[in-house]
Amino acid sequence: MKKSPIGAAGRRGRSVRRTLVSAAVLAGALATTVPAAAAARPYDDRSLLRRDAAALTALGVTGVQARLVTADGRTVTATGGVADVTTGQPVSPDGHFRIASVTKAFVATVVLQLVGEHRLSLDDPVERWLPGVVSGNGNDGGAITVRHLLQHTSGLHDDYPDYSSADDFRRHRYDGSTPEQSVDRALRHPPDFRPGADLRYSNTGYVLLGMIIERVGGQAWYQEVRDRIVRPLGLTHTFRPGTSPTLPRPHARTYQSFRPGEPPVDVTEQVGLGINGEAGLVSTTADLDRFLRALLGGRLLPPAQLARMLQTVPVGEEFQALMPGARDGLGLFSRPLTCGGVSWGHEGGDAGWITATGVTADGRRSVTLSLSGVRADTPDDVRRIEQAESRLVDDALCGAPDTDHRRR
């Protein structure tokens, strides 16, 4: 798996930055928040989104597409840069992209639906559903629960393969992997900590969740996602390409430098190594916005299961460095908004791609951002890209103060 430029905080594509209860808590989480007073910004929603997208291309991101859906149902889009550095083709606001770890939010939703149907419990040990799979080197599937996997508190080591160079990418871009191969690689290492004692991002946990979904539901995780989420919501551009290395049109091409100072390589065509529940879906900004609004709006999970998804624990220092104030739930992360309240979402980073999502706690306002051709050679590059990306999400969800569409 190729790390994204934000990978210092745990793997954020197939990770969050390659690296969120009781009925009262749920009521508070879903309540409409009152924005704190903020300095006036002389922009409407469209101008804000365009300005923030331009800030990302100014940092060297090849292509940017962002989509905001407002509380009254308006759609606002902004694009920047180019979709192809050779042709100069503009970025489409409807482009397909690999969503990487945003896939985890879909997988977590299916798991919690199964919990709501009493076919699975968050307290079930992994050993119950996958006997003998998690063992060796101190790893114990009897001590790790479904909740641990969802919340990255299992202690399972996250040792994902990575492309080490442009030549390595060219040799292995079509390889793919099986769930068993992914889990076996992680289990060659002892656990990082005792289950429940800490939080560390683990793609391996979501590979295991994909295997558990198949054992409980009788079909592959992506088929359950298709039947339970994609088809009911009409997400016509969301699917698992499997071992196909291509994307449907329209799509931007994406690029990556494997070492600082090296010229970028076109990495658009690849199978990728994370296709087993920790990542693997392709989507669009429109589909992801629809999914997030449905999820936080209570259309995909019963109240009790949504409350569990939104019950958070603090994240570790590796996340806080790039995501100040973030907390981890079950397949979603929360982050504070400058206007008050929090946003909910997940992020993903694949070779050359970064995806960021956010939705307000009431499910009424959402934003999805896709970056292609992301280069970050130094820690300062990482910090600047992260700050610009976070500002776009925050501005989009808080809204422009001088319009009637700012959340109340």
Foldseek 3Di string as FASTA:
>chain_A
DAQDLQLLLAGFFLEFRVHADDPVVLCVLQDFDFFDDDDADPDFLQVLLQVLQVLLVVLVFQKKKKWKQFLVGDIHIYMDHALDPVVRHGFDNWAKDFQGQLLLLLLLLLVLVCVVVVLFDQAQFLCVQVPPLQDDQATDSRQAGLQLLLFQQQQFAADDDHQQAPVSCVVCQQPADALSVRSVVRNVHHGNDHRPPAHHIHSNSQLSSQSSCCSRVVHGSQVSSCVQPCVVLVQVFKHFPQSFQAHDPPHGWFWEHNAPPDDTDGSSGGRDHRCRRSTGMMGHFVSVLSRQLCLLQCNRHHSVSSNQQRDWDQHDPSCCVLQPQWTHGRSWIWHAANGGRIWIGGWHDDRQKIKDKTARNNSSMIMIMITGHDYDNDPVSSNSSSVSVVSSRRCRQQTRPPDPRGGD
